[in-house]
Amino acid sequence: MTSFSPSSAHRRAQGIAFAALACAALGFIAGCGPGDGLDELAEAKTALEAKNFEKAEKLFAKSAQLSPENVDALVSLALTRISRGLIKEAREAADRAAELAPRDLDVMELLAQVAWYEGNLDKARELYLPLTSATNAPAELKSQAFAALGVIDMALCGTDMQREWLRDRARTEFMRAILLDRFNATARYQLAILYRDAFGYNEPALENFRAYLQLSKVSDARMQRVQRDEMPALGRIINEANAARPGAASRDVAACSRELKKAEAEWRKGAYTKARQAYANANKADPLSYEAALGLARCWEKVKNGKENALKAYHEACKNRTSATKTFIKTGDLAMELKKYAIATEAYSRAIAANAKDITAIDGLIRALRRSNRAKAAEVYQLYRESLPSKKR
């Protein structure tokens, strides 16, 4: 969970620098002077910004020794030790900080991080949860806590299909993190990984990777890997999947366009049988045309006993435009009517991947999950729905 911790270190370090400068300028103030550890704090911050973690650790440790009740020094010391992989030593500093300020937000976050690095996932989750609802916590910190919870749930789920609902909880935690702080690059990255590896949603994964790159402020190894490897690989997978679809190799876009014009003219006249034939011709000419598949689906809905064919056509339309939220919802609604709950679940879930705030899609997914006897997953999305501000529904 290496993406969450630096924020509190930076918050502390900034305060440390200002305090040190103030004491240097106003040395007559009580408590500021040689031996109070503030000079060491200022030097440690400089070393930390230069990524000289070994030097920063020594300076933070010296500051904490000179001023044993300085929570800032202890938190920064622990975080620096985490950066160096010294988890046992980080625990010692974190526990000392917790004794002094157990309700301090940075201390609470620190304890959760230490539990994660110790491999105690349940404890880490228990410690992150209060941060998501703390009334005095800024939205950015709550967002970071939700992102951390999502990573924990991904780890807890693993390959155990009996705990598959945890992937859904992780998803809602990443979405809540993004809603709280749209600049949370970590949440975007982790949601991309989750969509790709746990859901098989390649297009939404690619979109979230793009958002991650736009939000990332530092060109680190992760960012370079996403840009160099992850995104091109996803793009190839998507293109290969489209190319493998029946008829894709012989697409005739011009013929499809001609048939679409005929179909739309017949539809406007109410000649649905003729419109259906023209849409079918358009779909045959270009199986990747969203308009052709969608028009064909609507025409089949006009036919008695045509809903099964309509569902197939809607499903194809969804494949052709993975951002079409309303079409996914329509597919889910029709699947529910036909008692095809697994198809409905997938359709509503994909709608949420396209628009995380769509209440119609969320409600549909909850219904479909309950019909599919997936009560735990349904409850996860119910809680997510209740967390959305009414103005965003």
Protein backbone atom coordinates (compact mmCIF):
# COMPACT_ATOMS: atom_id res chain seq x y z
CA MET A 1 0.00 0.00 0.00
CA THR A 2 2.85 2.30 -0.80
CA SER A 3 0.69 4.96 -2.42
CA PHE A 4 -1.07 6.24 0.66
CA SER A 5 1.54 7.19 3.23
CA PRO A 6 3.55 10.14 1.90
CA SER A 7 0.68 12.62 2.20
CA SER A 8 0.74 12.75 5.98
CA ALA A 9 4.52 12.98 5.96
CA HIS A 10 4.33 16.01 3.68
CA ARG A 11 1.60 17.61 5.79
CA ARG A 12 3.75 17.17 8.89
CA ALA A 13 6.96 18.22 7.19
CA GLN A 14 5.48 21.49 5.96
CA GLY A 15 4.37 22.35 9.48
CA ILE A 16 7.79 21.45 10.79
CA ALA A 17 9.52 23.81 8.37
CA PHE A 18 7.31 26.74 9.30
CA ALA A 19 7.79 26.07 13.01
CA ALA A 20 11.55 25.97 12.63
CA LEU A 21 11.62 29.22 10.70
CA ALA A 22 9.42 30.91 13.27
CA CYS A 23 11.71 29.84 16.11
CA ALA A 24 14.77 31.03 14.23
CA ALA A 25 13.24 34.46 13.75
CA LEU A 26 11.74 34.72 17.24
CA GLY A 27 14.26 32.94 19.38
CA PHE A 28 13.07 34.67 22.52
CA ILE A 29 9.79 32.71 22.52
CA ALA A 30 9.69 30.12 25.27
CA GLY A 31 10.36 26.59 24.10
CA CYS A 32 12.32 27.53 21.00
CA GLY A 33 16.06 27.31 21.08
CA PRO A 34 19.09 25.07 20.84
CA GLY A 35 18.37 21.51 21.89
CA ASP A 36 14.62 21.61 21.24
CA GLY A 37 14.89 19.45 18.10
CA LEU A 38 13.37 21.96 15.67
CA ASP A 39 16.59 22.51 13.75
CA GLU A 40 16.81 18.75 13.23
CA LEU A 41 13.18 18.71 12.05
CA ALA A 42 13.86 21.38 9.44
CA GLU A 43 16.97 19.54 8.21
CA ALA A 44 15.02 16.27 8.12
CA LYS A 45 12.36 17.82 5.92
CA THR A 46 15.02 18.97 3.46
CA ALA A 47 16.52 15.47 3.41
CA LEU A 48 13.06 13.95 2.94
CA GLU A 49 12.31 16.15 -0.05
CA ALA A 50 15.63 15.08 -1.53
CA LYS A 51 14.60 11.44 -0.94
CA ASN A 52 17.59 10.94 1.33
CA PHE A 53 15.61 8.71 3.65
CA GLU A 54 18.57 7.47 5.68
CA LYS A 55 19.63 10.99 6.59
CA ALA A 56 16.03 12.06 7.21
CA GLU A 57 15.48 9.13 9.56
CA LYS A 58 18.55 9.99 11.64
CA LEU A 59 17.46 13.61 11.91
CA PHE A 60 13.85 12.78 12.79
CA ALA A 61 15.12 10.32 15.42
CA LYS A 62 17.42 12.98 16.89
CA SER A 63 14.54 15.47 16.97
CA ALA A 64 12.29 12.96 18.72
CA GLN A 65 15.05 12.24 21.22
CA LEU A 66 15.51 15.94 22.01
CA SER A 67 11.75 16.51 22.22
CA PRO A 68 10.10 13.22 23.26
CA GLU A 69 6.59 14.71 23.17
CA ASN A 70 6.82 16.07 19.63
CA VAL A 71 4.20 14.04 17.73
CA ASP A 72 5.25 15.59 14.41
CA ALA A 73 8.75 14.20 14.75
CA LEU A 74 7.49 10.75 15.73
CA VAL A 75 5.00 10.51 12.84
CA SER A 76 7.60 11.66 10.33
CA LEU A 77 10.14 9.27 11.80
CA ALA A 78 7.76 6.33 11.46
CA LEU A 79 6.83 7.22 7.87
CA THR A 80 10.47 7.59 6.91
CA ARG A 81 11.22 4.19 8.41
CA ILE A 82 8.37 2.72 6.38
CA SER A 83 9.97 4.20 3.26
CA ARG A 84 13.18 2.40 4.23
CA GLY A 85 11.37 -0.88 4.89
CA LEU A 86 12.08 -0.72 8.63
CA ILE A 87 8.61 -1.79 9.72
CA LYS A 88 9.44 -2.96 13.25
CA GLU A 89 11.18 0.33 13.98
CA ALA A 90 8.30 2.24 12.41
CA ARG A 91 5.92 0.45 14.76
CA GLU A 92 7.93 1.67 17.77
CA ALA A 93 7.71 5.31 16.67
CA ALA A 94 4.04 4.97 15.74
CA ASP A 95 3.14 3.51 19.13
CA ARG A 96 4.92 6.36 20.89
CA ALA A 97 2.99 8.88 18.79
CA ALA A 98 -0.26 7.09 19.57
CA GLU A 99 0.41 7.32 23.29
CA LEU A 100 0.73 11.08 22.97
CA ALA A 101 -2.08 11.79 20.47
CA PRO A 102 -4.33 8.77 19.85
CA ARG A 103 -7.04 10.80 18.05
CA ASP A 104 -4.68 12.79 15.84
CA LEU A 105 -5.67 12.06 12.22
CA ASP A 106 -2.10 11.60 11.00
CA VAL A 107 -1.39 9.24 13.88
CA MET A 108 -4.52 7.22 13.11
CA GLU A 109 -3.50 6.98 9.45
CA LEU A 110 0.03 6.03 10.44
CA LEU A 111 -1.13 3.17 12.67
CA ALA A 112 -3.25 1.82 9.82
CA GLN A 113 -0.29 1.92 7.44
CA VAL A 114 1.97 0.13 9.86
CA ALA A 115 -0.62 -2.62 10.31
CA TRP A 116 -0.74 -3.01 6.51
CA TYR A 117 3.00 -3.33 6.19
CA GLU A 118 3.02 -5.84 9.03
CA GLY A 119 0.60 -7.94 6.98
CA ASN A 120 -2.24 -7.55 9.46
CA LEU A 121 -4.97 -6.79 6.91
CA ASP A 122 -7.94 -7.05 9.25
CA LYS A 123 -6.30 -4.67 11.73
CA ALA A 124 -5.39 -2.25 8.96
CA ARG A 125 -8.99 -2.21 7.77
CA GLU A 126 -10.24 -1.66 11.31
CA LEU A 127 -7.90 1.33 11.67
CA TYR A 128 -8.67 2.92 8.30
CA LEU A 129 -12.45 2.79 8.73
CA PRO A 130 -12.75 5.59 11.34
CA LEU A 131 -10.83 7.93 9.03
CA THR A 132 -13.55 7.63 6.37
CA SER A 133 -16.19 9.07 8.71
CA ALA A 134 -14.20 11.36 11.01
CA THR A 135 -15.99 14.70 11.08
CA ASN A 136 -12.71 16.63 11.34
CA ALA A 137 -11.02 14.75 8.49
CA PRO A 138 -10.62 16.64 5.18
CA ALA A 139 -12.09 15.09 2.05
CA GLU A 140 -8.60 14.32 0.73
CA LEU A 141 -7.74 12.21 3.78
CA LYS A 142 -11.08 10.39 3.66
CA SER A 143 -10.43 9.68 -0.01
CA GLN A 144 -7.02 8.23 0.80
CA ALA A 145 -8.56 6.05 3.51
CA PHE A 146 -11.19 4.68 1.13
CA ALA A 147 -8.50 3.92 -1.46
CA ALA A 148 -6.55 2.07 1.22
CA LEU A 149 -9.64 0.06 2.18
CA GLY A 150 -10.07 -0.90 -1.46
CA VAL A 151 -6.53 -2.22 -1.71
CA ILE A 152 -7.01 -4.16 1.52
CA ASP A 153 -10.19 -5.76 0.17
CA MET A 154 -8.42 -6.70 -3.05
CA ALA A 155 -5.80 -8.46 -0.97
CA LEU A 156 -8.40 -10.13 1.26
CA CYS A 157 -10.37 -11.41 -1.72
CA GLY A 158 -7.43 -12.97 -3.53
CA THR A 159 -8.57 -16.01 -5.52
CA ASP A 160 -11.18 -17.17 -2.99
CA MET A 161 -14.45 -17.14 -4.96
CA GLN A 162 -16.39 -17.53 -1.72
CA ARG A 163 -15.26 -13.99 -0.93
CA GLU A 164 -15.91 -12.61 -4.40
CA TRP A 165 -18.15 -9.92 -2.90
CA LEU A 166 -15.01 -8.27 -1.55
CA ARG A 167 -14.06 -7.23 -5.09
CA ASP A 168 -17.38 -5.35 -5.20
CA ARG A 169 -16.67 -3.67 -1.89
CA ALA A 170 -13.21 -2.71 -3.14
CA ARG A 171 -14.83 -1.24 -6.23
CA THR A 172 -17.25 0.91 -4.24
CA GLU A 173 -14.40 2.06 -1.99
CA PHE A 174 -12.35 3.21 -4.98
CA MET A 175 -15.40 4.94 -6.44
CA ARG A 176 -16.08 6.69 -3.13
CA ALA A 177 -12.44 7.76 -2.99
CA ILE A 178 -12.76 9.35 -6.44
CA LEU A 179 -16.05 11.05 -5.59
CA LEU A 180 -14.45 12.57 -2.49
CA ASP A 181 -11.32 13.68 -4.30
CA ARG A 182 -11.32 13.65 -8.09
CA PHE A 183 -7.55 14.23 -8.03
CA ASN A 184 -6.86 10.94 -6.22
CA ALA A 185 -4.53 9.30 -8.73
CA THR A 186 -4.01 6.22 -6.56
CA ALA A 187 -7.73 5.42 -6.54
CA ARG A 188 -7.82 5.69 -10.33
CA TYR A 189 -4.84 3.38 -10.70
CA GLN A 190 -6.21 0.78 -8.31
CA LEU A 191 -9.68 0.87 -9.90
CA ALA A 192 -8.05 0.29 -13.28
CA ILE A 193 -6.24 -2.76 -11.91
CA LEU A 194 -9.44 -4.05 -10.30
CA TYR A 195 -11.51 -3.61 -13.47
CA ARG A 196 -8.87 -5.33 -15.59
CA ASP A 197 -7.98 -8.23 -13.31
CA ALA A 198 -11.11 -8.92 -11.23
CA PHE A 199 -13.97 -7.78 -13.49
CA GLY A 200 -12.53 -8.17 -16.98
CA TYR A 201 -13.68 -4.65 -17.89
CA ASN A 202 -10.88 -3.68 -20.22
CA GLU A 203 -12.31 -0.46 -21.62
CA PRO A 204 -13.12 1.08 -18.19
CA ALA A 205 -9.70 -0.08 -17.01
CA LEU A 206 -8.06 1.77 -19.88
CA GLU A 207 -10.05 4.94 -19.11
CA ASN A 208 -8.98 4.84 -15.47
CA PHE A 209 -5.35 4.32 -16.44
CA ARG A 210 -5.65 7.43 -18.64
CA ALA A 211 -7.11 9.39 -15.74
CA TYR A 212 -4.30 8.15 -13.50
CA LEU A 213 -1.66 9.43 -15.92
CA GLN A 214 -3.36 12.82 -16.15
CA LEU A 215 -3.51 13.13 -12.37
CA SER A 216 -0.04 11.83 -11.54
CA LYS A 217 2.32 14.58 -10.50
CA VAL A 218 5.52 12.54 -10.41
CA SER A 219 6.95 10.40 -13.19
CA ASP A 220 7.80 7.40 -11.04
CA ALA A 221 8.29 3.74 -11.94
CA ARG A 222 4.57 2.98 -11.68
CA MET A 223 3.59 5.80 -14.02
CA GLN A 224 6.21 4.78 -16.54
CA ARG A 225 5.07 1.15 -16.40
CA VAL A 226 1.43 2.13 -16.99
CA GLN A 227 2.40 4.33 -19.92
CA ARG A 228 4.91 1.92 -21.43
CA ASP A 229 3.32 -1.46 -20.74
CA GLU A 230 -0.13 -1.55 -19.15
CA MET A 231 -2.04 0.77 -21.47
CA PRO A 232 -0.59 -0.51 -24.77
CA ALA A 233 -1.28 -4.09 -23.66
CA LEU A 234 -4.89 -3.26 -22.83
CA GLY A 235 -5.32 -1.48 -26.13
CA ARG A 236 -4.09 -4.57 -28.00
CA ILE A 237 -6.44 -6.84 -26.05
CA ILE A 238 -9.42 -4.62 -26.85
CA ASN A 239 -8.52 -4.39 -30.54
CA GLU A 240 -7.92 -8.13 -30.82
CA ALA A 241 -11.26 -8.90 -29.16
CA ASN A 242 -13.08 -6.65 -31.62
CA ALA A 243 -11.20 -8.11 -34.58
CA ALA A 244 -12.15 -11.64 -33.50
CA ARG A 245 -15.89 -10.93 -33.54
CA PRO A 246 -17.81 -12.65 -36.38
CA GLY A 247 -17.87 -10.50 -39.51
CA ALA A 248 -15.43 -7.91 -38.18
CA ALA A 249 -12.79 -8.80 -40.75
CA SER A 250 -15.10 -7.89 -43.65
CA ARG A 251 -16.66 -4.70 -42.29
CA ASP A 252 -18.31 -2.51 -44.90
CA VAL A 253 -18.86 0.84 -43.22
CA ALA A 254 -20.27 2.48 -46.36
CA ALA A 255 -22.88 -0.25 -46.87
CA CYS A 256 -23.78 -0.04 -43.20
CA SER A 257 -24.32 3.71 -43.50
CA ARG A 258 -26.65 3.25 -46.50
CA GLU A 259 -28.72 0.65 -44.68
CA LEU A 260 -28.91 2.80 -41.55
CA LYS A 261 -30.45 5.65 -43.56
CA LYS A 262 -33.07 3.27 -44.96
CA ALA A 263 -33.77 1.85 -41.52
CA GLU A 264 -34.20 5.27 -39.92
CA ALA A 265 -36.58 6.36 -42.67
CA GLU A 266 -38.73 3.24 -42.23
CA TRP A 267 -38.68 3.63 -38.44
CA ARG A 268 -40.00 7.19 -38.71
CA LYS A 269 -42.87 5.92 -40.86
CA GLY A 270 -43.67 3.21 -38.31
CA ALA A 271 -42.75 0.46 -40.78
CA TYR A 272 -40.95 -1.56 -38.12
CA THR A 273 -40.65 -4.80 -40.12
CA LYS A 274 -38.88 -3.01 -42.98
CA ALA A 275 -36.81 -1.04 -40.49
CA ARG A 276 -35.77 -4.25 -38.76
CA GLN A 277 -34.60 -5.76 -42.04
CA ALA A 278 -32.57 -2.66 -42.89
CA TYR A 279 -31.02 -2.54 -39.42
CA ALA A 280 -30.19 -6.26 -39.75
CA ASN A 281 -28.49 -5.53 -43.09
CA ALA A 282 -26.56 -2.68 -41.50
CA ASN A 283 -25.54 -4.91 -38.61
CA LYS A 284 -24.36 -7.61 -41.02
CA ALA A 285 -22.36 -5.08 -43.01
CA ASP A 286 -20.68 -3.73 -39.88
CA PRO A 287 -21.03 -5.86 -36.72
CA LEU A 288 -19.17 -3.15 -34.77
CA SER A 289 -21.75 -0.45 -35.48
CA TYR A 290 -23.45 0.70 -32.29
CA GLU A 291 -26.30 2.38 -34.18
CA ALA A 292 -27.07 -0.75 -36.21
CA ALA A 293 -27.21 -3.06 -33.19
CA LEU A 294 -29.22 -0.56 -31.14
CA GLY A 295 -31.75 0.01 -33.93
CA LEU A 296 -32.13 -3.72 -34.45
CA ALA A 297 -32.77 -4.21 -30.75
CA ARG A 298 -35.50 -1.56 -30.72
CA CYS A 299 -37.16 -3.11 -33.73
CA TRP A 300 -37.20 -6.56 -32.15
CA GLU A 301 -38.95 -5.06 -29.15
CA LYS A 302 -41.81 -4.14 -31.47
CA VAL A 303 -42.29 -7.80 -32.41
CA LYS A 304 -44.46 -10.13 -30.37
CA ASN A 305 -42.15 -12.66 -28.67
CA GLY A 306 -39.18 -10.69 -29.95
CA LYS A 307 -37.63 -9.83 -26.61
CA GLU A 308 -35.06 -12.62 -26.67
CA ASN A 309 -33.72 -11.32 -29.99
CA ALA A 310 -33.92 -7.78 -28.68
CA LEU A 311 -31.77 -8.74 -25.70
CA LYS A 312 -29.14 -10.26 -27.98
CA ALA A 313 -29.05 -7.11 -30.10
CA TYR A 314 -28.84 -4.85 -27.03
CA HIS A 315 -25.97 -6.99 -25.80
CA GLU A 316 -24.15 -6.42 -29.10
CA ALA A 317 -24.81 -2.69 -28.89
CA CYS A 318 -23.22 -2.63 -25.45
CA LYS A 319 -20.13 -4.34 -26.81
CA ASN A 320 -19.90 -1.70 -29.52
CA ARG A 321 -20.08 1.26 -27.12
CA THR A 322 -18.95 0.49 -23.60
CA SER A 323 -19.68 4.05 -22.43
CA ALA A 324 -23.39 3.85 -23.32
CA THR A 325 -24.83 3.88 -19.79
CA LYS A 326 -28.47 4.07 -20.85
CA THR A 327 -28.09 1.14 -23.24
CA PHE A 328 -26.54 -1.00 -20.53
CA ILE A 329 -29.43 -0.08 -18.21
CA LYS A 330 -31.96 -0.96 -20.92
CA THR A 331 -30.19 -4.29 -21.42
CA GLY A 332 -30.35 -4.94 -17.68
CA ASP A 333 -34.05 -4.03 -17.51
CA LEU A 334 -34.92 -6.38 -20.37
CA ALA A 335 -32.81 -9.19 -18.90
CA MET A 336 -34.61 -8.78 -15.57
CA GLU A 337 -37.95 -9.00 -17.35
CA LEU A 338 -36.80 -12.24 -18.98
CA LYS A 339 -35.49 -13.51 -15.62
CA LYS A 340 -31.92 -13.66 -16.93
CA TYR A 341 -30.43 -12.31 -13.75
CA ALA A 342 -26.78 -13.03 -14.50
CA ILE A 343 -27.02 -11.02 -17.74
CA ALA A 344 -28.84 -8.24 -15.89
CA THR A 345 -26.16 -8.15 -13.20
CA GLU A 346 -23.42 -7.76 -15.77
CA ALA A 347 -25.30 -5.08 -17.72
CA TYR A 348 -26.03 -2.92 -14.67
CA SER A 349 -22.48 -3.40 -13.41
CA ARG A 350 -21.07 -2.21 -16.73
CA ALA A 351 -23.40 0.79 -16.58
CA ILE A 352 -21.86 1.73 -13.24
CA ALA A 353 -18.39 1.37 -14.74
CA ALA A 354 -19.45 3.99 -17.28
CA ASN A 355 -21.11 6.27 -14.70
CA ALA A 356 -20.43 5.59 -11.03
CA LYS A 357 -23.17 7.98 -9.88
CA ASP A 358 -26.08 6.60 -11.92
CA ILE A 359 -28.69 5.67 -9.32
CA THR A 360 -30.86 3.80 -11.83
CA ALA A 361 -27.94 1.50 -12.64
CA ILE A 362 -27.06 1.05 -8.97
CA ASP A 363 -30.65 0.18 -8.03
CA GLY A 364 -30.85 -2.24 -10.94
CA LEU A 365 -27.65 -3.95 -9.89
CA ILE A 366 -28.88 -4.31 -6.33
CA ARG A 367 -32.11 -5.97 -7.54
CA ALA A 368 -30.26 -8.27 -9.93
CA LEU A 369 -27.76 -9.33 -7.27
CA ARG A 370 -30.55 -10.15 -4.83
CA ARG A 371 -32.33 -12.21 -7.49
CA SER A 372 -29.05 -14.02 -8.10
CA ASN A 373 -28.73 -14.86 -4.37
CA ARG A 374 -25.67 -12.64 -4.00
CA ALA A 375 -26.88 -10.89 -0.87
CA LYS A 376 -23.47 -9.72 0.38
CA ALA A 377 -22.63 -8.02 -2.91
CA ALA A 378 -26.12 -6.45 -3.01
CA GLU A 379 -25.56 -5.01 0.47
CA VAL A 380 -22.23 -3.53 -0.64
CA TYR A 381 -23.92 -1.57 -3.42
CA GLN A 382 -26.82 -0.62 -1.16
CA LEU A 383 -24.35 0.99 1.25
CA TYR A 384 -22.63 2.71 -1.67
CA ARG A 385 -25.97 4.05 -2.91
CA GLU A 386 -26.79 5.46 0.52
CA SER A 387 -23.42 7.22 0.64
CA LEU A 388 -24.08 9.29 -2.47
CA PRO A 389 -25.15 12.89 -1.83
CA SER A 390 -28.73 13.42 -2.99
CA LYS A 391 -27.66 16.17 -5.39
CA LYS A 392 -25.50 13.61 -7.26
CA ARG A 393 -28.22 11.01 -7.67
